[in-house]
Amino acid sequence: MTPGDGATPEAGAAAEAGAAADGLTTAQLEALLFVAERPLPRREIATLAGVDAATVDARLGDLEVELAGRGIRLLAVGDRVALATAPEAGALIARYVGSEGVRLTPAALETLAIVAYRQPVTRAAIERIRGVDSDYVVRSLLHRRLLVEQGRADAPGRPILYGTSFEFLERFGLTSLDELPELDAEIAARLAEAEAEASSEP
């Protein structure tokens, strides 16, 4: 191979060998995420592989590139990562499992949108923005694992903070929250104002 030639199998093998020297290959990382029963924190991956955080981040980047165009995607939420099926395979997979999945109501979609853009957010903030009681819809989204509890707010009563889950990303064909469409400026201002008012209530 002369300088300037395109990538070859030999070059790929050399890159994988270099990764192995770092103590973690993309193949090992893919296998680990495949068998994991939950999203794994990057710190935990580093500990298991005996490598530093920079190496984990590098291998995750390599794996994300390798999975592009395939039936599996790498999802990331903050420090945690997981594998999920590609959104374009959803219809086929739904036929295999015998269900197209339960459709979300307008109220559920509205609540998910509020949480997705303002997370972590309390139920009081959700209700102020929606203008109606949201206890049932929040519990329903928690049951469907589209929302998760993310701790408690530093406010009177220590209300629960909610955020979106990995299942949310997979359901809507996202690999990270950074892929959410940009909010209209007026809507974003309304959300921020409502959340501030809710968090200041006793």
C-alpha atoms as a PDB file:
ATOM      1  CA  MET A   1       0.000   0.000   0.000  1.00  0.00           C
ATOM      2  CA  THR A   2       1.331   3.414  -0.921  1.00  0.00           C
ATOM      3  CA  PRO A   3       0.720   6.654   0.992  1.00  0.00           C
ATOM      4  CA  GLY A   4      -2.673   8.136   0.195  1.00  0.00           C
ATOM      5  CA  ASP A   5      -4.326   4.781  -0.497  1.00  0.00           C
ATOM      6  CA  GLY A   6      -7.774   4.198   1.034  1.00  0.00           C
ATOM      7  CA  ALA A   7      -8.417   2.114   4.118  1.00  0.00           C
ATOM      8  CA  THR A   8      -7.729  -1.616   3.761  1.00  0.00           C
ATOM      9  CA  PRO A   9      -8.476  -4.664   5.898  1.00  0.00           C
ATOM     10  CA  GLU A  10      -4.847  -4.574   6.964  1.00  0.00           C
ATOM     11  CA  ALA A  11      -5.231  -0.963   8.093  1.00  0.00           C
ATOM     12  CA  GLY A  12      -8.354  -1.861  10.032  1.00  0.00           C
ATOM     13  CA  ALA A  13      -6.553  -4.739  11.696  1.00  0.00           C
ATOM     14  CA  ALA A  14      -3.686  -2.433  12.605  1.00  0.00           C
ATOM     15  CA  ALA A  15      -6.078   0.063  14.149  1.00  0.00           C
ATOM     16  CA  GLU A  16      -7.743  -2.716  16.142  1.00  0.00           C
ATOM     17  CA  ALA A  17      -4.329  -3.916  17.275  1.00  0.00           C
ATOM     18  CA  GLY A  18      -3.522  -0.407  18.453  1.00  0.00           C
ATOM     19  CA  ALA A  19      -6.775  -0.334  20.382  1.00  0.00           C
ATOM     20  CA  ALA A  20      -5.928  -3.691  21.935  1.00  0.00           C
ATOM     21  CA  ALA A  21      -2.662  -2.234  23.140  1.00  0.00           C
ATOM     22  CA  ASP A  22      -4.750   0.336  25.007  1.00  0.00           C
ATOM     23  CA  GLY A  23      -6.576  -2.516  26.758  1.00  0.00           C
ATOM     24  CA  LEU A  24      -9.959  -2.186  25.028  1.00  0.00           C
ATOM     25  CA  THR A  25     -11.043  -2.959  21.454  1.00  0.00           C
ATOM     26  CA  THR A  26     -14.250  -1.912  19.750  1.00  0.00           C
ATOM     27  CA  ALA A  27     -15.186  -5.611  19.466  1.00  0.00           C
ATOM     28  CA  GLN A  28     -14.798  -6.068  23.219  1.00  0.00           C
ATOM     29  CA  LEU A  29     -16.783  -2.911  23.890  1.00  0.00           C
ATOM     30  CA  GLU A  30     -19.576  -3.983  21.556  1.00  0.00           C
ATOM     31  CA  ALA A  31     -19.765  -7.413  23.222  1.00  0.00           C
ATOM     32  CA  LEU A  32     -19.873  -5.855  26.692  1.00  0.00           C
ATOM     33  CA  LEU A  33     -22.698  -3.477  25.784  1.00  0.00           C
ATOM     34  CA  PHE A  34     -24.535  -6.324  24.036  1.00  0.00           C
ATOM     35  CA  VAL A  35     -24.654  -8.530  27.140  1.00  0.00           C
ATOM     36  CA  ALA A  36     -25.245  -5.683  29.599  1.00  0.00           C
ATOM     37  CA  GLU A  37     -28.773  -5.687  31.009  1.00  0.00           C
ATOM     38  CA  ARG A  38     -28.680  -1.947  31.639  1.00  0.00           C
ATOM     39  CA  PRO A  39     -26.962   1.153  30.264  1.00  0.00           C
ATOM     40  CA  LEU A  40     -23.368   1.237  31.459  1.00  0.00           C
ATOM     41  CA  PRO A  41     -21.615   4.313  32.837  1.00  0.00           C
ATOM     42  CA  ARG A  42     -18.382   5.145  31.043  1.00  0.00           C
ATOM     43  CA  ARG A  43     -16.605   5.016  34.407  1.00  0.00           C
ATOM     44  CA  GLU A  44     -17.734   1.433  34.916  1.00  0.00           C
ATOM     45  CA  ILE A  45     -16.528   0.422  31.453  1.00  0.00           C
ATOM     46  CA  ALA A  46     -13.140   1.976  32.192  1.00  0.00           C
ATOM     47  CA  THR A  47     -12.885   0.084  35.478  1.00  0.00           C
ATOM     48  CA  LEU A  48     -13.888  -3.238  33.908  1.00  0.00           C
ATOM     49  CA  ALA A  49     -11.430  -2.840  31.031  1.00  0.00           C
ATOM     50  CA  GLY A  50      -8.639  -1.419  33.161  1.00  0.00           C
ATOM     51  CA  VAL A  51      -8.266   1.659  30.961  1.00  0.00           C
ATOM     52  CA  ASP A  52      -8.684   5.398  31.397  1.00  0.00           C
ATOM     53  CA  ALA A  53     -11.710   7.499  30.459  1.00  0.00           C
ATOM     54  CA  ALA A  54     -10.049   8.862  27.319  1.00  0.00           C
ATOM     55  CA  THR A  55      -9.608   5.335  25.964  1.00  0.00           C
ATOM     56  CA  VAL A  56     -13.261   4.501  26.625  1.00  0.00           C
ATOM     57  CA  ASP A  57     -14.376   7.682  24.862  1.00  0.00           C
ATOM     58  CA  ALA A  58     -12.132   6.885  21.893  1.00  0.00           C
ATOM     59  CA  ARG A  59     -13.449   3.323  21.563  1.00  0.00           C
ATOM     60  CA  LEU A  60     -17.050   4.552  21.884  1.00  0.00           C
ATOM     61  CA  GLY A  61     -16.406   6.966  19.041  1.00  0.00           C
ATOM     62  CA  ASP A  62     -14.928   4.168  16.938  1.00  0.00           C
ATOM     63  CA  LEU A  63     -17.881   1.900  17.699  1.00  0.00           C
ATOM     64  CA  GLU A  64     -20.410   4.600  16.811  1.00  0.00           C
ATOM     65  CA  VAL A  65     -18.755   4.977  13.395  1.00  0.00           C
ATOM     66  CA  GLU A  66     -18.648   1.209  12.831  1.00  0.00           C
ATOM     67  CA  LEU A  67     -22.355   0.829  13.667  1.00  0.00           C
ATOM     68  CA  ALA A  68     -23.513   3.578  11.303  1.00  0.00           C
ATOM     69  CA  GLY A  69     -25.812   2.089   8.687  1.00  0.00           C
ATOM     70  CA  ARG A  70     -26.215  -1.176  10.571  1.00  0.00           C
ATOM     71  CA  GLY A  71     -29.165  -2.523  12.565  1.00  0.00           C
ATOM     72  CA  ILE A  72     -27.737  -1.499  15.941  1.00  0.00           C
ATOM     73  CA  ARG A  73     -27.065   1.989  17.240  1.00  0.00           C
ATOM     74  CA  LEU A  74     -25.001   3.326  20.127  1.00  0.00           C
ATOM     75  CA  LEU A  75     -27.126   5.452  22.466  1.00  0.00           C
ATOM     76  CA  ALA A  76     -25.681   7.905  24.984  1.00  0.00           C
ATOM     77  CA  VAL A  77     -27.319   9.804  27.819  1.00  0.00           C
ATOM     78  CA  GLY A  78     -24.825  11.739  29.872  1.00  0.00           C
ATOM     79  CA  ASP A  79     -22.266   9.299  31.252  1.00  0.00           C
ATOM     80  CA  ARG A  80     -24.228   6.164  30.309  1.00  0.00           C
ATOM     81  CA  VAL A  81     -24.178   4.263  27.013  1.00  0.00           C
ATOM     82  CA  ALA A  82     -26.120   1.325  25.576  1.00  0.00           C
ATOM     83  CA  LEU A  83     -26.886  -0.508  22.344  1.00  0.00           C
ATOM     84  CA  ALA A  84     -30.337  -0.309  20.752  1.00  0.00           C
ATOM     85  CA  THR A  85     -32.010  -1.353  17.531  1.00  0.00           C
ATOM     86  CA  ALA A  86     -31.973   1.114  14.648  1.00  0.00           C
ATOM     87  CA  PRO A  87     -35.259   3.047  14.296  1.00  0.00           C
ATOM     88  CA  GLU A  88     -35.657   2.038  10.651  1.00  0.00           C
ATOM     89  CA  ALA A  89     -35.893  -1.607  11.781  1.00  0.00           C
ATOM     90  CA  GLY A  90     -38.736  -0.849  14.183  1.00  0.00           C
ATOM     91  CA  ALA A  91     -41.613  -2.058  11.989  1.00  0.00           C
ATOM     92  CA  LEU A  92     -39.938  -5.382  11.247  1.00  0.00           C
ATOM     93  CA  ILE A  93     -39.069  -5.962  14.898  1.00  0.00           C
ATOM     94  CA  ALA A  94     -42.622  -5.050  15.936  1.00  0.00           C
ATOM     95  CA  ARG A  95     -43.982  -7.712  13.575  1.00  0.00           C
ATOM     96  CA  TYR A  96     -41.574 -10.246  15.061  1.00  0.00           C
ATOM     97  CA  VAL A  97     -42.701  -9.589  18.621  1.00  0.00           C
ATOM     98  CA  GLY A  98     -46.330  -9.543  17.482  1.00  0.00           C
ATOM     99  CA  SER A  99     -47.179  -5.964  18.354  1.00  0.00           C
ATOM    100  CA  GLU A 100     -46.886  -2.524  16.836  1.00  0.00           C
ATOM    101  CA  GLY A 101     -46.574  -1.129  20.342  1.00  0.00           C
ATOM    102  CA  VAL A 102     -48.996   0.975  22.348  1.00  0.00           C
ATOM    103  CA  ARG A 103     -49.623   4.363  20.785  1.00  0.00           C
ATOM    104  CA  LEU A 104     -48.981   7.388  22.947  1.00  0.00           C
ATOM    105  CA  THR A 105     -51.811   9.793  23.682  1.00  0.00           C
ATOM    106  CA  PRO A 106     -51.491  13.535  22.948  1.00  0.00           C
ATOM    107  CA  ALA A 107     -51.181  14.120  26.706  1.00  0.00           C
ATOM    108  CA  ALA A 108     -48.329  11.613  26.935  1.00  0.00           C
ATOM    109  CA  LEU A 109     -46.530  13.154  23.947  1.00  0.00           C
ATOM    110  CA  GLU A 110     -46.962  16.647  25.397  1.00  0.00           C
ATOM    111  CA  THR A 111     -45.558  15.534  28.747  1.00  0.00           C
ATOM    112  CA  LEU A 112     -42.639  13.753  27.103  1.00  0.00           C
ATOM    113  CA  ALA A 113     -41.793  16.890  25.142  1.00  0.00           C
ATOM    114  CA  ILE A 114     -41.795  19.016  28.298  1.00  0.00           C
ATOM    115  CA  VAL A 115     -39.535  16.580  30.135  1.00  0.00           C
ATOM    116  CA  ALA A 116     -37.213  16.078  27.154  1.00  0.00           C
ATOM    117  CA  TYR A 117     -36.486  19.793  26.794  1.00  0.00           C
ATOM    118  CA  ARG A 118     -36.503  20.827  30.470  1.00  0.00           C
ATOM    119  CA  GLN A 119     -35.112  17.800  32.283  1.00  0.00           C
ATOM    120  CA  PRO A 120     -34.606  17.225  35.072  1.00  0.00           C
ATOM    121  CA  VAL A 121     -38.050  18.615  35.854  1.00  0.00           C
ATOM    122  CA  THR A 122     -40.610  18.213  38.655  1.00  0.00           C
ATOM    123  CA  ARG A 123     -44.243  17.176  38.219  1.00  0.00           C
ATOM    124  CA  ALA A 124     -45.286  20.615  39.488  1.00  0.00           C
ATOM    125  CA  ALA A 125     -43.411  22.245  36.608  1.00  0.00           C
ATOM    126  CA  ILE A 126     -44.979  19.819  34.119  1.00  0.00           C
ATOM    127  CA  GLU A 127     -48.454  20.601  35.440  1.00  0.00           C
ATOM    128  CA  ARG A 128     -47.902  24.358  35.362  1.00  0.00           C
ATOM    129  CA  ILE A 129     -46.820  24.179  31.722  1.00  0.00           C
ATOM    130  CA  ARG A 130     -49.668  21.841  30.708  1.00  0.00           C
ATOM    131  CA  GLY A 131     -52.263  23.532  32.901  1.00  0.00           C
ATOM    132  CA  VAL A 132     -53.750  20.225  34.097  1.00  0.00           C
ATOM    133  CA  ASP A 133     -53.032  17.508  36.654  1.00  0.00           C
ATOM    134  CA  SER A 134     -50.343  15.233  35.236  1.00  0.00           C
ATOM    135  CA  ASP A 135     -49.990  12.571  37.916  1.00  0.00           C
ATOM    136  CA  TYR A 136     -51.590   9.799  35.857  1.00  0.00           C
ATOM    137  CA  VAL A 137     -49.702  10.541  32.640  1.00  0.00           C
ATOM    138  CA  VAL A 138     -46.365  10.767  34.464  1.00  0.00           C
ATOM    139  CA  ARG A 139     -46.995   7.440  36.207  1.00  0.00           C
ATOM    140  CA  SER A 140     -47.989   5.913  32.864  1.00  0.00           C
ATOM    141  CA  LEU A 141     -44.772   7.098  31.207  1.00  0.00           C
ATOM    142  CA  LEU A 142     -42.749   5.773  34.127  1.00  0.00           C
ATOM    143  CA  HIS A 143     -44.491   2.402  33.769  1.00  0.00           C
ATOM    144  CA  ARG A 144     -43.618   2.343  30.060  1.00  0.00           C
ATOM    145  CA  ARG A 145     -40.027   3.228  30.987  1.00  0.00           C
ATOM    146  CA  LEU A 146     -40.043   6.329  28.810  1.00  0.00           C
ATOM    147  CA  LEU A 147     -39.434   8.486  31.896  1.00  0.00           C
ATOM    148  CA  VAL A 148     -37.127   7.795  34.834  1.00  0.00           C
ATOM    149  CA  GLU A 149     -36.632   9.392  38.229  1.00  0.00           C
ATOM    150  CA  GLN A 150     -33.408  11.405  38.407  1.00  0.00           C
ATOM    151  CA  GLY A 151     -33.291  12.272  42.091  1.00  0.00           C
ATOM    152  CA  ARG A 152     -34.991  15.017  44.066  1.00  0.00           C
ATOM    153  CA  ALA A 153     -35.038  18.785  43.717  1.00  0.00           C
ATOM    154  CA  ASP A 154     -33.407  20.996  46.324  1.00  0.00           C
ATOM    155  CA  ALA A 155     -36.735  22.627  47.159  1.00  0.00           C
ATOM    156  CA  PRO A 156     -39.374  22.398  49.904  1.00  0.00           C
ATOM    157  CA  GLY A 157     -40.818  18.902  49.988  1.00  0.00           C
ATOM    158  CA  ARG A 158     -37.906  17.553  47.927  1.00  0.00           C
ATOM    159  CA  PRO A 159     -40.066  16.813  44.846  1.00  0.00           C
ATOM    160  CA  ILE A 160     -38.974  14.071  42.446  1.00  0.00           C
ATOM    161  CA  LEU A 161     -37.089  15.121  39.327  1.00  0.00           C
ATOM    162  CA  TYR A 162     -37.955  13.357  36.066  1.00  0.00           C
ATOM    163  CA  GLY A 163     -35.965  12.798  32.908  1.00  0.00           C
ATOM    164  CA  THR A 164     -36.211  10.769  29.709  1.00  0.00           C
ATOM    165  CA  SER A 165     -34.817   7.250  29.422  1.00  0.00           C
ATOM    166  CA  PHE A 166     -32.883   5.157  26.922  1.00  0.00           C
ATOM    167  CA  GLU A 167     -36.228   3.686  25.849  1.00  0.00           C
ATOM    168  CA  PHE A 168     -37.319   7.234  24.961  1.00  0.00           C
ATOM    169  CA  LEU A 169     -34.311   7.653  22.678  1.00  0.00           C
ATOM    170  CA  GLU A 170     -34.916   4.298  21.005  1.00  0.00           C
ATOM    171  CA  ARG A 171     -38.656   4.927  20.593  1.00  0.00           C
ATOM    172  CA  PHE A 172     -38.061   8.248  18.835  1.00  0.00           C
ATOM    173  CA  GLY A 173     -35.033   7.205  16.807  1.00  0.00           C
ATOM    174  CA  LEU A 174     -32.468   9.352  18.631  1.00  0.00           C
ATOM    175  CA  THR A 175     -28.950   8.438  19.670  1.00  0.00           C
ATOM    176  CA  SER A 176     -28.663  11.286  22.184  1.00  0.00           C
ATOM    177  CA  LEU A 177     -30.656  14.241  23.486  1.00  0.00           C
ATOM    178  CA  ASP A 178     -28.437  16.510  21.396  1.00  0.00           C
ATOM    179  CA  GLU A 179     -30.460  15.342  18.370  1.00  0.00           C
ATOM    180  CA  LEU A 180     -33.711  16.868  19.664  1.00  0.00           C
ATOM    181  CA  PRO A 181     -35.018  19.548  17.274  1.00  0.00           C
ATOM    182  CA  GLU A 182     -34.308  23.105  18.390  1.00  0.00           C
ATOM    183  CA  LEU A 183     -37.199  24.681  20.286  1.00  0.00           C
ATOM    184  CA  ASP A 184     -38.922  27.811  19.081  1.00  0.00           C
ATOM    185  CA  ALA A 185     -37.586  30.741  21.160  1.00  0.00           C
ATOM    186  CA  GLU A 186     -41.043  31.748  22.434  1.00  0.00           C
ATOM    187  CA  ILE A 187     -41.888  28.205  23.538  1.00  0.00           C
ATOM    188  CA  ALA A 188     -38.490  27.818  25.204  1.00  0.00           C
ATOM    189  CA  ALA A 189     -39.077  31.048  27.159  1.00  0.00           C
ATOM    190  CA  ARG A 190     -42.512  29.829  28.312  1.00  0.00           C
ATOM    191  CA  LEU A 191     -41.051  26.527  29.488  1.00  0.00           C
ATOM    192  CA  ALA A 192     -38.277  28.253  31.423  1.00  0.00           C
ATOM    193  CA  GLU A 193     -40.714  30.692  33.062  1.00  0.00           C
ATOM    194  CA  ALA A 194     -43.137  27.938  34.071  1.00  0.00           C
ATOM    195  CA  GLU A 195     -40.381  25.804  35.548  1.00  0.00           C
ATOM    196  CA  ALA A 196     -39.009  28.742  37.550  1.00  0.00           C
ATOM    197  CA  GLU A 197     -42.455  29.531  38.956  1.00  0.00           C
ATOM    198  CA  ALA A 198     -43.119  25.884  39.868  1.00  0.00           C
ATOM    199  CA  SER A 199     -39.766  25.463  41.624  1.00  0.00           C
ATOM    200  CA  SER A 200     -40.356  28.587  43.744  1.00  0.00           C
ATOM    201  CA  GLU A 201     -43.705  27.404  45.066  1.00  0.00           C
ATOM    202  CA  PRO A 202     -43.785  26.142  48.685  1.00  0.00           C
END
